[in-house]
């Protein structure tokens, strides 16, 4: 589980911005597939160096 930063564009103005998503990876039929678990939005303010720690903690909470 990890957090992905994705660059997107507004459909109305064409202005570029970043959105953040919580993503998981799994191997299915020999191929790696990624699935978005949660859209964190464009105003995700947590510093990037803390992302792995947050993803690990969320994984612990979900795995219980």
PDB file of N, CA and C in Angstrom:
ATOM      1  N   UNK A   1       0.851  -1.158   0.000  1.00  0.00           N
ATOM      2  CA  UNK A   1       0.000   0.000   0.000  1.00  0.00           C
ATOM      3  C   UNK A   1       0.907   1.233   0.000  1.00  0.00           C
ATOM      4  N   UNK A   2       0.550   2.199  -0.806  1.00  0.00           N
ATOM      5  CA  UNK A   2       1.356   3.417  -0.897  1.00  0.00           C
ATOM      6  C   UNK A   2       0.493   4.574  -1.372  1.00  0.00           C
ATOM      7  N   UNK A   3       1.052   5.780  -1.297  1.00  0.00           N
ATOM      8  CA  UNK A   3       0.344   6.984  -1.748  1.00  0.00           C
ATOM      9  C   UNK A   3       0.956   7.424  -3.067  1.00  0.00           C
ATOM     10  N   UNK A   4       0.097   7.677  -4.048  1.00  0.00           N
ATOM     11  CA  UNK A   4       0.532   8.089  -5.381  1.00  0.00           C
ATOM     12  C   UNK A   4       0.110   9.543  -5.627  1.00  0.00           C
ATOM     13  N   UNK A   5       1.044  10.314  -6.159  1.00  0.00           N
ATOM     14  CA  UNK A   5       0.785  11.701  -6.562  1.00  0.00           C
ATOM     15  C   UNK A   5       0.558  11.689  -8.070  1.00  0.00           C
ATOM     16  N   UNK A   6      -0.608  12.155  -8.522  1.00  0.00           N
ATOM     17  CA  UNK A   6      -0.978  12.102  -9.929  1.00  0.00           C
ATOM     18  C   UNK A   6      -1.268  13.507 -10.449  1.00  0.00           C
ATOM     19  N   UNK A   7      -0.626  13.861 -11.555  1.00  0.00           N
ATOM     20  CA  UNK A   7      -0.866  15.166 -12.166  1.00  0.00           C
ATOM     21  C   UNK A   7      -2.076  15.050 -13.085  1.00  0.00           C
ATOM     22  N   UNK A   8      -3.056  15.931 -12.887  1.00  0.00           N
ATOM     23  CA  UNK A   8      -4.262  15.945 -13.715  1.00  0.00           C
ATOM     24  C   UNK A   8      -4.553  17.371 -14.151  1.00  0.00           C
ATOM     25  N   UNK A   9      -5.538  17.512 -15.030  1.00  0.00           N
ATOM     26  CA  UNK A   9      -5.933  18.835 -15.520  1.00  0.00           C
ATOM     27  C   UNK A   9      -7.418  19.046 -15.293  1.00  0.00           C
ATOM     28  N   UNK A  10      -7.765  20.274 -14.981  1.00  0.00           N
ATOM     29  CA  UNK A  10      -9.162  20.661 -14.833  1.00  0.00           C
ATOM     30  C   UNK A  10      -9.814  20.653 -16.211  1.00  0.00           C
ATOM     31  N   UNK A  11     -10.999  20.067 -16.316  1.00  0.00           N
ATOM     32  CA  UNK A  11     -11.681  20.020 -17.614  1.00  0.00           C
ATOM     33  C   UNK A  11     -12.219  21.388 -18.037  1.00  0.00           C
ATOM     34  N   UNK A  12     -12.572  22.220 -17.079  1.00  0.00           N
ATOM     35  CA  UNK A  12     -13.141  23.521 -17.445  1.00  0.00           C
ATOM     36  C   UNK A  12     -12.071  24.557 -17.806  1.00  0.00           C
ATOM     37  N   UNK A  13     -10.969  24.613 -17.041  1.00  0.00           N
ATOM     38  CA  UNK A  13      -9.950  25.637 -17.283  1.00  0.00           C
ATOM     39  C   UNK A  13      -8.680  25.093 -17.924  1.00  0.00           C
ATOM     40  N   UNK A  14      -8.467  23.778 -17.852  1.00  0.00           N
ATOM     41  CA  UNK A  14      -7.250  23.183 -18.394  1.00  0.00           C
ATOM     42  C   UNK A  14      -6.047  23.352 -17.493  1.00  0.00           C
ATOM     43  N   UNK A  15      -6.261  23.899 -16.304  1.00  0.00           N
ATOM     44  CA  UNK A  15      -5.180  24.134 -15.356  1.00  0.00           C
ATOM     45  C   UNK A  15      -4.732  22.816 -14.718  1.00  0.00           C
ATOM     46  N   UNK A  16      -3.423  22.612 -14.637  1.00  0.00           N
ATOM     47  CA  UNK A  16      -2.867  21.387 -14.065  1.00  0.00           C
ATOM     48  C   UNK A  16      -2.841  21.466 -12.537  1.00  0.00           C
ATOM     49  N   UNK A  17      -3.090  20.337 -11.886  1.00  0.00           N
ATOM     50  CA  UNK A  17      -2.985  20.232 -10.436  1.00  0.00           C
ATOM     51  C   UNK A  17      -2.666  18.783 -10.077  1.00  0.00           C
ATOM     52  N   UNK A  18      -2.314  18.530  -8.827  1.00  0.00           N
ATOM     53  CA  UNK A  18      -1.984  17.184  -8.366  1.00  0.00           C
ATOM     54  C   UNK A  18      -3.091  16.665  -7.466  1.00  0.00           C
ATOM     55  N   UNK A  19      -3.401  15.387  -7.599  1.00  0.00           N
ATOM     56  CA  UNK A  19      -4.299  14.720  -6.664  1.00  0.00           C
ATOM     57  C   UNK A  19      -3.538  13.547  -6.062  1.00  0.00           C
ATOM     58  N   UNK A  20      -3.974  13.100  -4.905  1.00  0.00           N
ATOM     59  CA  UNK A  20      -3.279  12.067  -4.153  1.00  0.00           C
ATOM     60  C   UNK A  20      -4.223  10.905  -3.897  1.00  0.00           C
ATOM     61  N   UNK A  21      -3.690   9.670  -4.029  1.00  0.00           N
ATOM     62  CA  UNK A  21      -4.514   8.475  -3.891  1.00  0.00           C
ATOM     63  C   UNK A  21      -3.785   7.416  -3.085  1.00  0.00           C
ATOM     64  N   UNK A  22      -4.535   6.689  -2.282  1.00  0.00           N
ATOM     65  CA  UNK A  22      -3.998   5.529  -1.577  1.00  0.00           C
ATOM     66  C   UNK A  22      -4.197   4.331  -2.495  1.00  0.00           C
ATOM     67  N   UNK A  23      -3.095   3.656  -2.845  1.00  0.00           N
ATOM     68  CA  UNK A  23      -3.109   2.605  -3.864  1.00  0.00           C
ATOM     69  C   UNK A  23      -2.544   1.319  -3.283  1.00  0.00           C
ATOM     70  N   UNK A  24      -3.076   0.180  -3.726  1.00  0.00           N
ATOM     71  CA  UNK A  24      -2.527  -1.125  -3.373  1.00  0.00           C
ATOM     72  C   UNK A  24      -2.183  -1.885  -4.642  1.00  0.00           C
ATOM     73  N   UNK A  25      -1.216  -2.789  -4.539  1.00  0.00           N
ATOM     74  CA  UNK A  25      -0.802  -3.607  -5.674  1.00  0.00           C
ATOM     75  C   UNK A  25      -1.006  -5.069  -5.335  1.00  0.00           C
ATOM     76  N   UNK A  26      -1.398  -5.853  -6.334  1.00  0.00           N
ATOM     77  CA  UNK A  26      -1.569  -7.299  -6.156  1.00  0.00           C
ATOM     78  C   UNK A  26      -1.233  -7.993  -7.465  1.00  0.00           C
ATOM     79  N   UNK A  27      -0.686  -9.182  -7.359  1.00  0.00           N
ATOM     80  CA  UNK A  27      -0.377  -9.974  -8.547  1.00  0.00           C
ATOM     81  C   UNK A  27      -1.587 -10.873  -8.834  1.00  0.00           C
ATOM     82  N   UNK A  28      -2.171 -10.690 -10.022  1.00  0.00           N
ATOM     83  CA  UNK A  28      -3.339 -11.452 -10.436  1.00  0.00           C
ATOM     84  C   UNK A  28      -3.035 -12.097 -11.779  1.00  0.00           C
ATOM     85  N   UNK A  29      -3.113 -13.426 -11.832  1.00  0.00           N
ATOM     86  CA  UNK A  29      -2.804 -14.192 -13.047  1.00  0.00           C
ATOM     87  C   UNK A  29      -1.429 -13.836 -13.613  1.00  0.00           C
ATOM     88  N   UNK A  30      -0.439 -13.665 -12.722  1.00  0.00           N
ATOM     89  CA  UNK A  30       0.921 -13.394 -13.156  1.00  0.00           C
ATOM     90  C   UNK A  30       1.209 -11.954 -13.534  1.00  0.00           C
ATOM     91  N   UNK A  31       0.231 -11.070 -13.402  1.00  0.00           N
ATOM     92  CA  UNK A  31       0.422  -9.655 -13.744  1.00  0.00           C
ATOM     93  C   UNK A  31       0.143  -8.795 -12.523  1.00  0.00           C
ATOM     94  N   UNK A  32       0.901  -7.701 -12.392  1.00  0.00           N
ATOM     95  CA  UNK A  32       0.698  -6.783 -11.284  1.00  0.00           C
ATOM     96  C   UNK A  32      -0.450  -5.844 -11.624  1.00  0.00           C
ATOM     97  N   UNK A  33      -1.408  -5.775 -10.725  1.00  0.00           N
ATOM     98  CA  UNK A  33      -2.563  -4.876 -10.889  1.00  0.00           C
ATOM     99  C   UNK A  33      -2.591  -3.904  -9.726  1.00  0.00           C
ATOM    100  N   UNK A  34      -2.893  -2.656 -10.010  1.00  0.00           N
ATOM    101  CA  UNK A  34      -2.971  -1.635  -8.975  1.00  0.00           C
ATOM    102  C   UNK A  34      -4.410  -1.169  -8.850  1.00  0.00           C
ATOM    103  N   UNK A  35      -4.822  -0.911  -7.607  1.00  0.00           N
ATOM    104  CA  UNK A  35      -6.203  -0.510  -7.351  1.00  0.00           C
ATOM    105  C   UNK A  35      -6.195   0.678  -6.399  1.00  0.00           C
ATOM    106  N   UNK A  36      -6.951   1.716  -6.749  1.00  0.00           N
ATOM    107  CA  UNK A  36      -7.096   2.875  -5.881  1.00  0.00           C
ATOM    108  C   UNK A  36      -8.072   2.527  -4.767  1.00  0.00           C
ATOM    109  N   UNK A  37      -7.618   2.643  -3.525  1.00  0.00           N
ATOM    110  CA  UNK A  37      -8.471   2.353  -2.376  1.00  0.00           C
ATOM    111  C   UNK A  37      -9.184   3.598  -1.867  1.00  0.00           C
ATOM    112  N   UNK A  38      -8.488   4.742  -1.951  1.00  0.00           N
ATOM    113  CA  UNK A  38      -9.037   5.972  -1.405  1.00  0.00           C
ATOM    114  C   UNK A  38      -8.463   7.168  -2.140  1.00  0.00           C
ATOM    115  N   UNK A  39      -9.328   8.063  -2.583  1.00  0.00           N
ATOM    116  CA  UNK A  39      -8.886   9.312  -3.199  1.00  0.00           C
ATOM    117  C   UNK A  39      -8.696  10.328  -2.074  1.00  0.00           C
ATOM    118  N   UNK A  40      -7.462  10.791  -1.890  1.00  0.00           N
ATOM    119  CA  UNK A  40      -7.148  11.713  -0.805  1.00  0.00           C
ATOM    120  C   UNK A  40      -7.357  13.175  -1.190  1.00  0.00           C
ATOM    121  N   UNK A  41      -7.661  13.433  -2.449  1.00  0.00           N
ATOM    122  CA  UNK A  41      -7.960  14.787  -2.900  1.00  0.00           C
ATOM    123  C   UNK A  41      -6.731  15.577  -3.312  1.00  0.00           C
ATOM    124  N   UNK A  42      -6.922  16.844  -3.600  1.00  0.00           N
ATOM    125  CA  UNK A  42      -5.832  17.686  -4.082  1.00  0.00           C
ATOM    126  C   UNK A  42      -5.211  18.531  -2.980  1.00  0.00           C
ATOM    127  N   UNK A  43      -5.796  18.560  -1.812  1.00  0.00           N
ATOM    128  CA  UNK A  43      -5.261  19.380  -0.725  1.00  0.00           C
ATOM    129  C   UNK A  43      -4.650  18.514   0.377  1.00  0.00           C
ATOM    130  N   UNK A  44      -4.030  17.413  -0.004  1.00  0.00           N
ATOM    131  CA  UNK A  44      -3.368  16.497   0.931  1.00  0.00           C
ATOM    132  C   UNK A  44      -2.074  17.159   1.394  1.00  0.00           C
ATOM    133  N   UNK A  45      -1.992  17.555   2.666  1.00  0.00           N
ATOM    134  CA  UNK A  45      -0.907  18.410   3.136  1.00  0.00           C
ATOM    135  C   UNK A  45       0.198  17.690   3.913  1.00  0.00           C
ATOM    136  N   UNK A  46       0.161  16.381   4.016  1.00  0.00           N
ATOM    137  CA  UNK A  46       1.184  15.645   4.754  1.00  0.00           C
ATOM    138  C   UNK A  46       2.492  15.641   3.968  1.00  0.00           C
ATOM    139  N   UNK A  47       3.634  15.932   4.620  1.00  0.00           N
ATOM    140  CA  UNK A  47       4.920  15.922   3.900  1.00  0.00           C
ATOM    141  C   UNK A  47       5.224  14.548   3.297  1.00  0.00           C
ATOM    142  N   UNK A  48       5.828  14.545   2.123  1.00  0.00           N
ATOM    143  CA  UNK A  48       6.060  13.315   1.359  1.00  0.00           C
ATOM    144  C   UNK A  48       6.903  12.289   2.115  1.00  0.00           C
ATOM    145  N   UNK A  49       7.806  12.714   2.971  1.00  0.00           N
ATOM    146  CA  UNK A  49       8.633  11.756   3.703  1.00  0.00           C
ATOM    147  C   UNK A  49       7.843  10.952   4.733  1.00  0.00           C
ATOM    148  N   UNK A  50       6.629  11.398   5.073  1.00  0.00           N
ATOM    149  CA  UNK A  50       5.772  10.666   6.018  1.00  0.00           C
ATOM    150  C   UNK A  50       4.766   9.745   5.337  1.00  0.00           C
ATOM    151  N   UNK A  51       4.671   9.791   4.014  1.00  0.00           N
ATOM    152  CA  UNK A  51       3.703   8.969   3.285  1.00  0.00           C
ATOM    153  C   UNK A  51       3.864   7.470   3.547  1.00  0.00           C
ATOM    154  N   UNK A  52       5.095   6.911   3.493  1.00  0.00           N
ATOM    155  CA  UNK A  52       5.231   5.461   3.739  1.00  0.00           C
ATOM    156  C   UNK A  52       4.763   5.055   5.138  1.00  0.00           C
ATOM    157  N   UNK A  53       5.041   5.897   6.113  1.00  0.00           N
ATOM    158  CA  UNK A  53       4.615   5.611   7.481  1.00  0.00           C
ATOM    159  C   UNK A  53       3.088   5.611   7.597  1.00  0.00           C
ATOM    160  N   UNK A  54       2.434   6.571   6.961  1.00  0.00           N
ATOM    161  CA  UNK A  54       0.974   6.641   6.973  1.00  0.00           C
ATOM    162  C   UNK A  54       0.366   5.428   6.268  1.00  0.00           C
ATOM    163  N   UNK A  55       0.906   5.069   5.107  1.00  0.00           N
ATOM    164  CA  UNK A  55       0.389   3.915   4.365  1.00  0.00           C
ATOM    165  C   UNK A  55       0.558   2.633   5.170  1.00  0.00           C
ATOM    166  N   UNK A  56       1.675   2.480   5.860  1.00  0.00           N
ATOM    167  CA  UNK A  56       1.919   1.302   6.697  1.00  0.00           C
ATOM    168  C   UNK A  56       0.914   1.243   7.843  1.00  0.00           C
ATOM    169  N   UNK A  57       0.653   2.376   8.475  1.00  0.00           N
ATOM    170  CA  UNK A  57      -0.307   2.425   9.590  1.00  0.00           C
ATOM    171  C   UNK A  57      -1.720   2.106   9.113  1.00  0.00           C
ATOM    172  N   UNK A  58      -2.117   2.629   7.984  1.00  0.00           N
ATOM    173  CA  UNK A  58      -3.447   2.323   7.431  1.00  0.00           C
ATOM    174  C   UNK A  58      -3.553   0.843   7.136  1.00  0.00           C
ATOM    175  N   UNK A  59      -2.496   0.250   6.584  1.00  0.00           N
ATOM    176  CA  UNK A  59      -2.476  -1.182   6.288  1.00  0.00           C
ATOM    177  C   UNK A  59      -2.638  -1.987   7.584  1.00  0.00           C
ATOM    178  N   UNK A  60      -1.987  -1.567   8.671  1.00  0.00           N
ATOM    179  CA  UNK A  60      -2.128  -2.248   9.948  1.00  0.00           C
ATOM    180  C   UNK A  60      -3.565  -2.189  10.462  1.00  0.00           C
ATOM    181  N   UNK A  61      -4.195  -1.037  10.344  1.00  0.00           N
ATOM    182  CA  UNK A  61      -5.561  -0.876  10.805  1.00  0.00           C
ATOM    183  C   UNK A  61      -6.550  -1.718   9.992  1.00  0.00           C
ATOM    184  N   UNK A  62      -6.321  -1.789   8.682  1.00  0.00           N
ATOM    185  CA  UNK A  62      -7.227  -2.538   7.805  1.00  0.00           C
ATOM    186  C   UNK A  62      -7.042  -4.047   7.973  1.00  0.00           C
ATOM    187  N   UNK A  63      -5.820  -4.477   8.277  1.00  0.00           N
ATOM    188  CA  UNK A  63      -5.501  -5.907   8.347  1.00  0.00           C
ATOM    189  C   UNK A  63      -5.975  -6.574   9.636  1.00  0.00           C
ATOM    190  N   UNK A  64      -6.387  -5.839  10.608  1.00  0.00           N
ATOM    191  CA  UNK A  64      -6.811  -6.432  11.881  1.00  0.00           C
ATOM    192  C   UNK A  64      -7.983  -7.327  11.753  1.00  0.00           C
TER     193      UNK A  64
END
